[in-house]
Amino acid sequence: MSNPSIETHLGRIDIDENVVARSAAAVADECFGVVGMAAVGMKDGIVKLLGGRDSTRGIKVTIKDSRISVDLHIIVSYGVSIMTVASNLQESVKYRLEQFTGLTAETVNVYVEGVRVID
């Protein structure tokens, strides 16, 4: 990931894409119906539920021309409305990232990689 620069009248601001990814992960953790983030293995297509260790896995952030694009790979809870959960996550991530960075969150793509039954 690169660190895009934003020039201001006082100097340059660099925002690391990992910082933005961690913020998006925090929103996903708080979102009702999201069980966790998913990582898709390129070799075999296996979807794994990720724990809290590497909270940015399953999230891809791109910042270009002061615009943020985010891809979130999630696992949802069984029995919830996938459309409602995904839409709520998109709106929440967009709002939080725009407030946090001052940049425009242009796209927030949600990929539901699985469903998990919660005990």
Protein backbone atom coordinates (compact mmCIF):
# COMPACT_ATOMS: atom_id res chain seq x y z
CA MET A 1 0.00 0.00 0.00
CA SER A 2 1.23 3.45 -0.79
CA ASN A 3 0.88 6.61 1.26
CA PRO A 4 -0.89 9.24 -0.81
CA SER A 5 -0.02 12.85 -0.05
CA ILE A 6 -2.39 15.76 0.39
CA GLU A 7 -0.86 19.21 0.06
CA THR A 8 -2.19 22.02 2.25
CA HIS A 9 -1.06 25.61 2.66
CA LEU A 10 0.89 24.50 5.77
CA GLY A 11 2.54 21.43 4.29
CA ARG A 12 1.91 17.84 3.33
CA ILE A 13 -0.36 15.25 4.99
CA ASP A 14 0.27 11.55 4.47
CA ILE A 15 -2.46 9.07 5.44
CA ASP A 16 -1.38 5.44 5.53
CA GLU A 17 -3.95 3.13 3.97
CA ASN A 18 -3.52 0.73 6.92
CA VAL A 19 -4.82 3.42 9.26
CA VAL A 20 -7.93 3.79 7.10
CA ALA A 21 -8.31 -0.02 6.99
CA ARG A 22 -8.14 -0.24 10.80
CA SER A 23 -10.85 2.40 11.08
CA ALA A 24 -13.07 0.48 8.64
CA ALA A 25 -12.42 -2.72 10.62
CA ALA A 26 -13.51 -0.99 13.82
CA VAL A 27 -16.79 0.02 12.16
CA ALA A 28 -17.34 -3.54 10.92
CA ASP A 29 -16.75 -4.90 14.44
CA GLU A 30 -19.52 -2.62 15.74
CA CYS A 31 -21.97 -3.40 12.94
CA PHE A 32 -24.91 -5.65 13.87
CA GLY A 33 -24.95 -8.87 11.86
CA VAL A 34 -21.26 -8.88 10.97
CA VAL A 35 -19.59 -11.89 12.60
CA GLY A 36 -16.11 -11.03 11.34
CA MET A 37 -13.86 -10.29 8.44
CA ALA A 38 -13.04 -12.96 5.88
CA ALA A 39 -9.86 -13.66 4.00
CA VAL A 40 -10.15 -15.52 0.75
CA GLY A 41 -7.20 -17.77 -0.02
CA MET A 42 -6.04 -17.20 -3.57
CA LYS A 43 -4.82 -20.78 -4.07
CA ASP A 44 -7.82 -22.78 -3.01
CA GLY A 45 -10.62 -20.26 -2.49
CA ILE A 46 -11.00 -21.18 1.17
CA VAL A 47 -12.77 -18.56 3.25
CA LYS A 48 -11.44 -18.15 6.77
CA LEU A 49 -12.98 -16.23 9.65
CA LEU A 50 -10.35 -13.87 10.99
CA GLY A 51 -9.82 -13.11 14.62
CA GLY A 52 -8.84 -9.80 16.15
CA ARG A 53 -5.10 -10.21 15.57
CA ASP A 54 -4.90 -8.81 12.08
CA SER A 55 -8.02 -6.70 11.83
CA THR A 56 -7.11 -5.29 8.43
CA ARG A 57 -7.15 -8.64 6.63
CA GLY A 58 -10.23 -8.90 4.49
CA ILE A 59 -10.11 -5.14 3.88
CA LYS A 60 -8.52 -3.44 0.89
CA VAL A 61 -8.18 0.34 0.89
CA THR A 62 -7.12 2.48 -2.04
CA ILE A 63 -6.62 6.24 -1.77
CA LYS A 64 -6.25 8.13 -5.02
CA ASP A 65 -6.82 11.82 -5.72
CA SER A 66 -8.19 12.39 -2.19
CA ARG A 67 -10.83 9.69 -2.71
CA ILE A 68 -11.08 6.49 -0.72
CA SER A 69 -12.21 3.14 -2.09
CA VAL A 70 -12.76 0.26 0.32
CA ASP A 71 -13.43 -3.44 -0.25
CA LEU A 72 -14.76 -5.33 2.79
CA HIS A 73 -14.94 -9.13 2.82
CA ILE A 74 -17.28 -10.14 5.64
CA ILE A 75 -19.04 -13.08 7.23
CA VAL A 76 -22.58 -12.42 8.42
CA SER A 77 -24.68 -13.97 11.13
CA TYR A 78 -27.24 -16.57 10.06
CA GLY A 79 -30.80 -15.24 9.98
CA VAL A 80 -30.05 -11.56 9.37
CA SER A 81 -30.98 -9.65 6.24
CA ILE A 82 -27.80 -9.59 4.17
CA MET A 83 -28.97 -6.52 2.26
CA THR A 84 -29.69 -4.62 5.47
CA VAL A 85 -26.37 -5.57 7.09
CA ALA A 86 -24.37 -4.72 3.95
CA SER A 87 -26.17 -1.41 3.41
CA ASN A 88 -25.74 -0.41 7.07
CA LEU A 89 -22.05 -1.32 6.89
CA GLN A 90 -21.55 0.72 3.72
CA GLU A 91 -23.20 3.81 5.20
CA SER A 92 -21.38 3.48 8.53
CA VAL A 93 -17.95 2.99 6.94
CA LYS A 94 -18.50 5.87 4.50
CA TYR A 95 -19.54 8.25 7.29
CA ARG A 96 -16.76 7.22 9.69
CA LEU A 97 -13.99 7.41 7.09
CA GLU A 98 -15.10 10.80 5.81
CA GLN A 99 -15.27 12.17 9.36
CA PHE A 100 -11.95 10.55 10.30
CA THR A 101 -9.88 11.53 7.27
CA GLY A 102 -11.63 14.53 5.72
CA LEU A 103 -11.46 12.71 2.37
CA THR A 104 -14.37 11.49 0.24
CA ALA A 105 -15.26 7.81 0.56
CA GLU A 106 -16.11 7.19 -3.08
CA THR A 107 -16.90 3.47 -2.93
CA VAL A 108 -17.49 0.98 -0.14
CA ASN A 109 -17.85 -2.48 -1.66
CA VAL A 110 -19.10 -5.29 0.58
CA TYR A 111 -18.44 -8.92 -0.33
CA VAL A 112 -20.35 -11.42 1.81
CA GLU A 113 -18.05 -14.44 1.87
CA GLY A 114 -20.05 -16.62 4.23
CA VAL A 115 -22.72 -17.09 6.86
CA ARG A 116 -22.11 -18.34 10.37
CA VAL A 117 -24.53 -19.64 12.98
CA ILE A 118 -24.04 -17.91 16.31
CA ASP A 119 -24.54 -19.98 19.48
